């Protein structure tokens, strides 16, 4: 008994026919086993409209007229691999066959499960002479000169920008047809990008730590940097640091998913503490924290775990940096971003006030009221925190660290550093770190902190 294809695939083919008429392309639909639908096969594969017609005619071992003949064509593995790549990344995948025809494909999903793919061609990616030569080789010289000339002439040359636009349009069509999870394509693309970044960082760690050497230890200073990025709403830096932490965990603990999951839970608990703000009651925070922990415990793969952590970091950063209830939110946001971008040099109150759009005296007043400390103290603590990371993670001299963190000289650096940590920079480096008064855990005033009992 023949298995009926998913209704989405049949609907997809009807829409693809309109896509073909509008774009001048040739289209096909493949099922979840990467095979073309028989209905499509009869209308398309067996005719000279098909770019693969001569490959199938002269290279397939049998000519039964069954759609499964495509499995035996020279390019089948290439087509299947392309479809798999598009499914893996949740997006469009563009490639060129050995003859020189351009193809692009996008996946379809039903209730979050892969059900098939759309495959489109109809343009040449090489000149017609080169395509004729490749076709002659592919068919072992069985085509006449007339056929070798005529077949490539049926198809226009495709400029790269046009092919990219057509591939993007196909992806939009695939996303509109998919059901169940409206953003499933985006989820797959996001996870693929995360894994690509992680893989690159792990490769770098392999170079730094050959097999016979010890693996890098988990960096607590990286955790501090992650918290700092989250507190200032720097999602880009937060993602980068999170991936650095995850890369070390994956590199040092291969095939130990449960251990990595446990460390992820610890990290979520740590991050959730930074989310104690006036806009979040203890009940809301507890409920949110339990939700995050539950999702982490339910994760079944590194890809899912990584994605969850990135989403949690982004969500908490958004909550903290929203400045809910603060009267001068826009001015403070501009000022804080400017400070974080320029703390490595001397910056004045007037300079920062100008960026915020307020007068210097008024800015100084509202900064202390809303941030809970004066600007000078805020800058010093930020610089001390940055210096503490450089002391434990680099071989820079004390004078170099002082200069790179915005201190006027090494003497002033040592004095300020000791006032915040209780020990000198040299001793801090010797003992491998210590307690640093972290910068602005909630970005709210003392008045607001008193409301939540801090």
Protein backbone atom coordinates (compact mmCIF):
# COMPACT_ATOMS: atom_id res chain seq x y z
CA UNK A 1 0.00 0.00 0.00
CA UNK A 2 1.43 3.37 -1.05
CA UNK A 3 2.06 5.85 1.73
CA UNK A 4 0.36 9.17 1.07
CA UNK A 5 2.71 12.17 1.24
CA UNK A 6 2.23 14.79 3.92
CA UNK A 7 -0.47 17.28 2.81
CA UNK A 8 2.06 20.07 3.32
CA UNK A 9 4.17 18.64 0.50
CA UNK A 10 1.27 18.60 -1.96
CA UNK A 11 0.30 22.13 -0.98
CA UNK A 12 3.94 23.13 -1.33
CA UNK A 13 4.08 21.85 -4.90
CA UNK A 14 1.01 23.87 -5.92
CA UNK A 15 2.61 27.02 -4.55
CA UNK A 16 5.94 26.10 -6.12
CA UNK A 17 4.32 26.01 -9.54
CA UNK A 18 3.38 29.67 -9.03
CA UNK A 19 6.94 30.35 -7.84
CA UNK A 20 8.22 28.70 -11.04
CA UNK A 21 5.99 30.78 -13.30
CA UNK A 22 6.95 34.00 -11.55
CA UNK A 23 10.69 33.34 -11.49
CA UNK A 24 11.29 31.21 -14.58
CA UNK A 25 12.65 28.33 -12.50
CA UNK A 26 12.16 24.56 -12.35
CA UNK A 27 10.85 23.15 -9.09
CA UNK A 28 10.47 19.86 -7.23
CA UNK A 29 9.37 18.69 -3.79
CA UNK A 30 11.16 15.97 -1.81
CA UNK A 31 9.84 13.92 1.10
CA UNK A 32 11.51 13.27 4.47
CA UNK A 33 13.55 10.47 2.86
CA UNK A 34 14.95 13.01 0.39
CA UNK A 35 13.03 11.48 -2.55
CA UNK A 36 11.04 13.50 -5.12
CA UNK A 37 7.28 13.05 -4.88
CA UNK A 38 5.96 10.64 -7.57
CA UNK A 39 3.35 13.22 -8.55
CA UNK A 40 6.09 15.72 -9.21
CA UNK A 41 8.31 13.12 -10.85
CA UNK A 42 5.78 12.31 -13.57
CA UNK A 43 5.24 15.95 -14.44
CA UNK A 44 8.83 17.06 -14.31
CA UNK A 45 11.66 14.56 -13.90
CA UNK A 46 10.97 12.61 -17.09
CA UNK A 47 10.80 15.62 -19.39
CA UNK A 48 13.51 17.68 -21.02
CA UNK A 49 12.41 20.59 -18.82
CA UNK A 50 14.47 18.91 -16.13
CA UNK A 51 18.07 20.10 -15.88
CA UNK A 52 18.97 16.54 -14.83
CA UNK A 53 17.17 14.91 -17.79
CA UNK A 54 20.26 13.70 -19.67
CA UNK A 55 22.05 12.59 -16.51
CA UNK A 56 19.05 10.44 -15.59
CA UNK A 57 18.57 9.18 -19.14
CA UNK A 58 22.15 8.05 -19.68
CA UNK A 59 23.48 7.36 -16.18
CA UNK A 60 20.61 5.76 -14.21
CA UNK A 61 21.01 1.91 -14.15
CA UNK A 62 17.31 1.33 -14.84
CA UNK A 63 14.60 3.27 -16.66
CA UNK A 64 11.55 1.98 -14.83
CA UNK A 65 9.88 5.38 -14.71
CA UNK A 66 9.86 5.22 -10.91
CA UNK A 67 10.90 8.30 -8.94
CA UNK A 68 13.47 6.18 -7.14
CA UNK A 69 15.58 6.28 -10.31
CA UNK A 70 16.88 9.63 -9.07
CA UNK A 71 18.77 7.79 -6.33
CA UNK A 72 20.98 6.27 -8.99
CA UNK A 73 21.92 9.47 -10.79
CA UNK A 74 25.47 10.83 -10.54
CA UNK A 75 24.40 13.92 -8.58
CA UNK A 76 22.03 12.23 -6.15
CA UNK A 77 24.47 12.28 -3.25
CA UNK A 78 25.12 15.97 -3.85
CA UNK A 79 21.39 16.78 -3.85
CA UNK A 80 20.73 14.73 -0.72
CA UNK A 81 23.66 16.28 1.14
CA UNK A 82 22.45 19.75 0.19
CA UNK A 83 18.94 19.00 1.45
CA UNK A 84 20.41 17.68 4.69
CA UNK A 85 22.52 20.82 5.13
CA UNK A 86 19.50 23.07 4.61
CA UNK A 87 17.61 21.00 7.20
CA UNK A 88 20.53 21.18 9.63
CA UNK A 89 20.76 24.98 9.40
CA UNK A 90 17.03 25.58 9.04
CA UNK A 91 17.58 27.88 6.07
CA UNK A 92 18.31 27.95 2.37
CA UNK A 93 21.28 26.15 0.82
CA UNK A 94 22.71 27.10 -2.58
CA UNK A 95 24.97 24.81 -4.59
CA UNK A 96 26.04 23.93 -8.16
CA UNK A 97 26.02 20.50 -9.78
CA UNK A 98 28.92 19.05 -11.79
CA UNK A 99 27.39 20.18 -15.07
CA UNK A 100 27.10 23.76 -13.81
CA UNK A 101 23.42 24.19 -12.93
CA UNK A 102 22.57 26.22 -9.83
CA UNK A 103 20.27 24.67 -7.21
CA UNK A 104 18.80 25.95 -3.97
CA UNK A 105 16.73 24.17 -1.35
CA UNK A 106 14.80 24.91 1.86
CA UNK A 107 13.26 22.52 4.45
CA UNK A 108 9.60 22.10 5.46
CA UNK A 109 8.36 21.29 8.98
CA UNK A 110 5.09 20.02 10.39
CA UNK A 111 4.60 20.49 14.15
CA UNK A 112 8.35 20.95 14.50
CA UNK A 113 9.24 17.73 12.61
CA UNK A 114 11.04 17.63 9.27
CA UNK A 115 8.66 16.48 6.50
CA UNK A 116 10.47 17.35 3.29
CA UNK A 117 12.20 19.99 1.21
CA UNK A 118 11.69 22.34 -1.71
CA UNK A 119 14.30 22.13 -4.47
CA UNK A 120 14.67 24.68 -7.27
CA UNK A 121 16.96 25.08 -10.29
CA UNK A 122 16.85 26.58 -13.78
CA UNK A 123 19.95 28.79 -14.04
CA UNK A 124 23.50 28.08 -15.12
CA UNK A 125 26.36 29.07 -12.87
CA UNK A 126 28.96 28.66 -15.64
CA UNK A 127 29.06 29.70 -19.29
CA UNK A 128 27.24 27.45 -21.79
CA UNK A 129 30.42 26.14 -23.43
CA UNK A 130 31.73 24.91 -20.09
CA UNK A 131 28.34 23.36 -19.30
CA UNK A 132 28.33 21.53 -22.67
CA UNK A 133 31.79 20.11 -22.00
CA UNK A 134 30.79 18.94 -18.52
CA UNK A 135 27.59 17.38 -19.87
CA UNK A 136 29.56 15.48 -22.51
CA UNK A 137 31.82 14.03 -19.81
CA UNK A 138 28.87 13.23 -17.55
CA UNK A 139 27.09 11.26 -20.31
CA UNK A 140 30.30 9.59 -21.56
CA UNK A 141 30.06 11.25 -24.97
CA UNK A 142 26.65 9.78 -25.80
CA UNK A 143 25.09 13.13 -26.73
CA UNK A 144 25.31 14.62 -30.19
CA UNK A 145 26.88 18.03 -30.79
CA UNK A 146 23.40 19.41 -31.35
CA UNK A 147 22.12 18.09 -28.00
CA UNK A 148 25.21 19.33 -26.15
CA UNK A 149 24.65 22.81 -27.59
CA UNK A 150 20.86 22.90 -27.30
CA UNK A 151 20.43 21.72 -23.68
CA UNK A 152 22.46 24.50 -21.96
CA UNK A 153 20.89 27.13 -24.24
CA UNK A 154 17.49 26.49 -22.65
CA UNK A 155 18.64 28.02 -19.35
CA UNK A 156 19.67 31.60 -18.52
CA UNK A 157 22.89 32.46 -16.74
CA UNK A 158 22.29 33.25 -13.07
CA UNK A 159 23.98 36.18 -11.37
CA UNK A 160 24.89 35.47 -7.76
CA UNK A 161 22.71 38.25 -6.32
CA UNK A 162 19.69 36.99 -8.24
CA UNK A 163 20.23 33.41 -7.08
CA UNK A 164 20.56 34.58 -3.47
CA UNK A 165 17.33 36.55 -3.75
CA UNK A 166 15.50 33.56 -5.25
CA UNK A 167 16.84 31.31 -2.50
CA UNK A 168 15.67 33.77 0.16
CA UNK A 169 12.23 33.92 -1.47
CA UNK A 170 12.07 30.12 -1.40
CA UNK A 171 12.90 30.14 2.31
CA UNK A 172 10.09 32.62 2.96
CA UNK A 173 7.73 30.25 1.12
CA UNK A 174 8.98 27.26 3.16
CA UNK A 175 8.54 29.15 6.43
CA UNK A 176 4.98 30.14 5.49
CA UNK A 177 4.10 26.51 4.72
CA UNK A 178 5.65 25.00 7.84
CA UNK A 179 3.36 24.48 10.82
CA UNK A 180 3.58 23.90 14.57
CA UNK A 181 6.55 26.08 15.48
CA UNK A 182 6.36 29.38 13.68
CA UNK A 183 10.00 30.19 14.37
CA UNK A 184 11.46 26.71 13.93
CA UNK A 185 13.62 27.79 10.97
CA UNK A 186 15.02 30.62 13.07
CA UNK A 187 15.74 28.27 15.97
CA UNK A 188 17.74 25.93 13.73
CA UNK A 189 19.67 28.79 12.15
CA UNK A 190 20.44 30.29 15.54
CA UNK A 191 21.65 26.96 16.94
CA UNK A 192 23.78 26.28 13.87
CA UNK A 193 25.50 29.65 14.24
CA UNK A 194 26.12 28.98 17.94
CA UNK A 195 27.62 25.56 17.23
CA UNK A 196 29.80 26.98 14.47
CA UNK A 197 31.21 29.57 16.87
CA UNK A 198 31.71 26.95 19.58
CA UNK A 199 33.49 24.62 17.16
CA UNK A 200 35.92 27.36 16.16
CA UNK A 201 36.72 28.15 19.78
CA UNK A 202 37.22 24.47 20.61
CA UNK A 203 39.62 24.15 17.68
CA UNK A 204 41.62 27.05 19.10
CA UNK A 205 41.72 25.33 22.50
CA UNK A 206 43.02 22.15 20.85
CA UNK A 207 45.93 24.15 19.47
CA UNK A 208 46.66 25.71 22.85
CA UNK A 209 46.30 22.46 24.80
CA UNK A 210 47.66 19.43 22.93
CA UNK A 211 46.37 16.05 24.03
CA UNK A 212 49.24 15.34 26.37
CA UNK A 213 48.80 18.61 28.27
CA UNK A 214 46.28 19.63 30.91
CA UNK A 215 42.97 21.08 29.84
CA UNK A 216 42.15 24.72 30.67
CA UNK A 217 40.34 25.26 33.95
CA UNK A 218 36.91 26.81 34.22
CA UNK A 219 37.37 30.59 34.44
CA UNK A 220 35.58 32.33 37.30
CA UNK A 221 36.83 35.65 35.96
CA UNK A 222 34.95 34.89 32.73
CA UNK A 223 31.82 34.50 34.83
CA UNK A 224 32.44 37.96 36.26
CA UNK A 225 32.88 39.36 32.77
CA UNK A 226 29.63 37.68 31.70
CA UNK A 227 27.78 39.23 34.63
CA UNK A 228 29.26 42.62 33.80
CA UNK A 229 28.16 42.34 30.16
CA UNK A 230 24.66 41.35 31.23
CA UNK A 231 24.41 44.18 33.72
CA UNK A 232 25.21 46.77 31.06
CA UNK A 233 22.91 45.16 28.50
CA UNK A 234 25.74 44.18 26.12
CA UNK A 235 24.15 41.10 24.52
CA UNK A 236 26.84 40.74 21.86
CA UNK A 237 29.64 40.57 24.42
CA UNK A 238 27.50 38.37 26.67
CA UNK A 239 27.05 35.82 23.88
CA UNK A 240 30.77 35.87 23.13
CA UNK A 241 31.81 35.28 26.76
CA UNK A 242 29.14 32.61 27.24
CA UNK A 243 30.48 30.69 24.25
CA UNK A 244 34.03 30.99 25.65
CA UNK A 245 32.83 29.43 28.92
CA UNK A 246 30.93 26.69 27.08
CA UNK A 247 33.89 25.95 24.80
CA UNK A 248 36.12 25.28 27.81
CA UNK A 249 33.46 23.04 29.38
CA UNK A 250 32.96 21.04 26.17
CA UNK A 251 36.68 20.79 25.48
CA UNK A 252 37.56 19.69 29.02
CA UNK A 253 34.57 17.36 29.47
CA UNK A 254 33.86 15.61 26.16
CA UNK A 255 30.97 13.14 26.27
CA UNK A 256 29.99 14.29 29.79
CA UNK A 257 26.64 15.89 29.04
CA UNK A 258 25.28 15.55 32.59
CA UNK A 259 28.28 17.36 34.07
CA UNK A 260 27.95 20.18 31.54
CA UNK A 261 24.23 20.31 32.31
CA UNK A 262 25.03 20.63 36.03
CA UNK A 263 27.45 23.51 35.39
CA UNK A 264 24.77 25.17 33.24
CA UNK A 265 22.38 24.99 36.19
CA UNK A 266 25.00 26.62 38.43
CA UNK A 267 25.48 29.37 35.87
CA UNK A 268 21.75 30.05 35.61
CA UNK A 269 21.50 30.39 39.40
CA UNK A 270 24.41 32.84 39.35
CA UNK A 271 22.91 34.89 36.53
CA UNK A 272 19.48 34.99 38.13
CA UNK A 273 20.95 36.77 41.16
CA UNK A 274 21.92 39.65 38.91
CA UNK A 275 18.27 40.02 37.97
CA UNK A 276 17.19 41.24 41.41
CA UNK A 277 15.69 44.61 40.46
CA UNK A 278 12.84 46.78 41.72
CA UNK A 279 10.74 45.63 38.79
CA UNK A 280 11.04 41.98 39.81
CA UNK A 281 9.48 40.70 43.02
CA UNK A 282 11.02 37.73 44.82
CA UNK A 283 8.03 35.61 43.78
CA UNK A 284 8.46 36.49 40.11
CA UNK A 285 12.20 35.86 40.26
CA UNK A 286 11.70 32.47 41.94
CA UNK A 287 9.12 31.44 39.38
CA UNK A 288 11.31 32.57 36.49
CA UNK A 289 14.37 30.90 37.96
CA UNK A 290 12.52 27.60 38.38
CA UNK A 291 11.31 27.83 34.78
CA UNK A 292 14.87 28.32 33.51
CA UNK A 293 16.21 25.47 35.64
CA UNK A 294 13.42 23.19 34.45
CA UNK A 295 14.24 23.91 30.82
CA UNK A 296 17.94 23.22 31.43
CA UNK A 297 17.14 19.89 33.13
CA UNK A 298 14.88 18.88 30.23
CA UNK A 299 17.52 19.63 27.57
CA UNK A 300 18.54 16.54 25.61
CA UNK A 301 21.50 17.81 23.59
CA UNK A 302 24.40 20.25 23.68
CA UNK A 303 22.71 22.26 20.91
CA UNK A 304 19.54 22.64 22.96
CA UNK A 305 21.48 23.41 26.14
CA UNK A 306 23.61 26.03 24.42
CA UNK A 307 20.57 27.67 22.87
CA UNK A 308 18.76 27.82 26.21
CA UNK A 309 21.71 29.47 27.93
CA UNK A 310 21.96 32.08 25.20
CA UNK A 311 18.25 32.82 25.47
CA UNK A 312 18.47 33.07 29.27
CA UNK A 313 21.44 35.46 29.08
CA UNK A 314 19.60 37.64 26.56
CA UNK A 315 16.39 37.63 28.61
CA UNK A 316 18.12 38.55 31.89
CA UNK A 317 20.21 41.23 30.20
CA UNK A 318 17.04 42.72 28.76
CA UNK A 319 15.34 42.71 32.15
CA UNK A 320 18.25 44.34 33.94
CA UNK A 321 19.01 46.92 31.30
CA UNK A 322 15.44 48.05 30.82
CA UNK A 323 15.82 50.64 33.62
CA UNK A 324 12.15 50.16 34.53
CA UNK A 325 10.90 52.95 36.74
CA UNK A 326 13.95 55.19 36.35
CA UNK A 327 13.05 58.73 35.34
CA UNK A 328 16.19 59.44 33.35
CA UNK A 329 16.50 56.09 31.58
CA UNK A 330 17.59 57.39 28.16
CA UNK A 331 20.23 59.75 29.56
CA UNK A 332 21.71 57.12 31.88
CA UNK A 333 21.71 54.49 29.17
CA UNK A 334 23.69 56.75 26.84
CA UNK A 335 26.10 57.66 29.62
CA UNK A 336 26.72 54.10 30.73
CA UNK A 337 27.38 52.85 27.21
CA UNK A 338 29.78 55.72 26.64
CA UNK A 339 31.62 54.95 29.87
CA UNK A 340 32.01 51.28 28.99
CA UNK A 341 33.33 52.20 25.55
CA UNK A 342 35.84 54.80 26.80
CA UNK A 343 36.90 53.79 30.32
CA UNK A 344 40.40 52.96 29.00
CA UNK A 345 41.23 56.66 28.84
CA UNK A 346 40.61 59.68 31.04
CA UNK A 347 37.03 60.90 30.64
CA UNK A 348 35.51 63.91 32.38
CA UNK A 349 32.13 64.54 33.95
CA UNK A 350 31.44 67.24 31.35
CA UNK A 351 32.23 64.85 28.48
CA UNK A 352 29.82 62.20 29.77
CA UNK A 353 27.15 64.77 30.64
CA UNK A 354 27.32 66.14 27.08
CA UNK A 355 26.69 62.62 25.73
CA UNK A 356 23.69 62.21 28.02
CA UNK A 357 22.22 65.53 26.91
CA UNK A 358 22.18 66.98 30.44
CA UNK A 359 24.16 69.71 32.18
CA UNK A 360 27.16 68.48 34.19
CA UNK A 361 25.79 69.47 37.65
CA UNK A 362 22.37 67.97 36.97
CA UNK A 363 23.84 64.80 35.46
CA UNK A 364 26.10 64.36 38.50
CA UNK A 365 23.09 64.63 40.80
CA UNK A 366 20.80 62.23 38.98
CA UNK A 367 23.64 59.74 38.37
CA UNK A 368 24.25 59.41 42.10
CA UNK A 369 20.54 59.23 42.87
CA UNK A 370 19.74 56.62 40.28
CA UNK A 371 22.97 54.58 40.25
CA UNK A 372 23.60 54.69 43.99
CA UNK A 373 27.13 56.12 43.78
CA UNK A 374 28.94 59.04 42.24
CA UNK A 375 30.50 58.92 38.79
CA UNK A 376 34.07 58.78 40.08
CA UNK A 377 33.35 55.74 42.24
CA UNK A 378 31.54 53.99 39.39
CA UNK A 379 34.46 54.56 37.02
CA UNK A 380 37.03 53.37 39.57
CA UNK A 381 35.14 50.15 40.31
CA UNK A 382 34.73 49.44 36.61
CA UNK A 383 38.44 49.94 35.99
CA UNK A 384 39.38 47.79 39.00
CA UNK A 385 37.18 44.96 37.75
CA UNK A 386 38.74 45.14 34.28
CA UNK A 387 42.23 45.26 35.78
CA UNK A 388 41.54 42.20 37.96
CA UNK A 389 40.83 40.16 34.83
CA UNK A 390 44.02 41.32 33.13
CA UNK A 391 46.06 40.51 36.24
CA UNK A 392 44.97 36.87 36.27
CA UNK A 393 44.61 36.23 32.54
CA UNK A 394 47.57 38.07 30.96
CA UNK A 395 51.28 38.65 31.47
CA UNK A 396 51.00 42.41 31.04
CA UNK A 397 53.06 44.49 33.48
CA UNK A 398 51.33 46.51 36.18
CA UNK A 399 52.09 49.74 34.34
CA UNK A 400 50.63 48.35 31.11
CA UNK A 401 47.47 47.23 32.91
CA UNK A 402 47.17 50.60 34.62
CA UNK A 403 47.37 52.37 31.26
CA UNK A 404 44.95 50.05 29.48
CA UNK A 405 42.33 50.45 32.22
CA UNK A 406 42.38 54.25 32.30
CA UNK A 407 44.51 54.90 35.41
CA UNK A 408 46.85 57.89 35.20
CA UNK A 409 49.87 55.99 36.55
CA UNK A 410 50.84 52.75 38.31
CA UNK A 411 50.93 54.37 41.74
CA UNK A 412 47.35 55.65 41.46
CA UNK A 413 46.28 52.27 40.04
CA UNK A 414 47.75 50.42 43.05
CA UNK A 415 46.10 52.78 45.52
CA UNK A 416 42.63 52.54 43.94
CA UNK A 417 42.92 48.78 43.38
CA UNK A 418 43.79 48.15 47.04
CA UNK A 419 40.96 50.38 48.25
CA UNK A 420 38.44 48.13 46.44
CA UNK A 421 40.04 44.70 46.93
CA UNK A 422 42.00 45.04 50.16
CA UNK A 423 45.24 43.86 48.53
CA UNK A 424 47.74 45.28 46.05
CA UNK A 425 47.62 44.37 42.33
CA UNK A 426 50.86 42.41 42.66
CA UNK A 427 49.56 40.28 45.53
CA UNK A 428 46.24 39.79 43.72
CA UNK A 429 48.15 38.36 40.74
CA UNK A 430 50.43 36.21 42.90
CA UNK A 431 47.59 34.52 44.75
CA UNK A 432 45.65 33.97 41.55
CA UNK A 433 42.80 36.39 42.18
CA UNK A 434 40.54 37.38 44.99
CA UNK A 435 37.39 39.29 45.77
CA UNK A 436 36.66 42.30 43.61
CA UNK A 437 33.76 44.64 44.34
CA UNK A 438 31.77 44.01 41.17
CA UNK A 439 30.33 46.84 39.16
CA UNK A 440 26.75 47.90 39.71
CA UNK A 441 24.89 44.63 40.22
CA UNK A 442 21.46 46.04 39.52
CA UNK A 443 22.08 49.53 38.11
CA UNK A 444 19.56 51.08 40.52
CA UNK A 445 19.82 53.64 43.27
CA UNK A 446 20.28 53.04 46.99
CA UNK A 447 16.69 54.16 47.39
CA UNK A 448 15.53 51.37 45.09
CA UNK A 449 17.81 48.83 46.74
CA UNK A 450 16.25 49.62 50.10
CA UNK A 451 12.82 48.79 48.68
CA UNK A 452 13.92 45.26 47.88
CA UNK A 453 15.84 44.88 51.12
CA UNK A 454 19.39 44.93 49.73
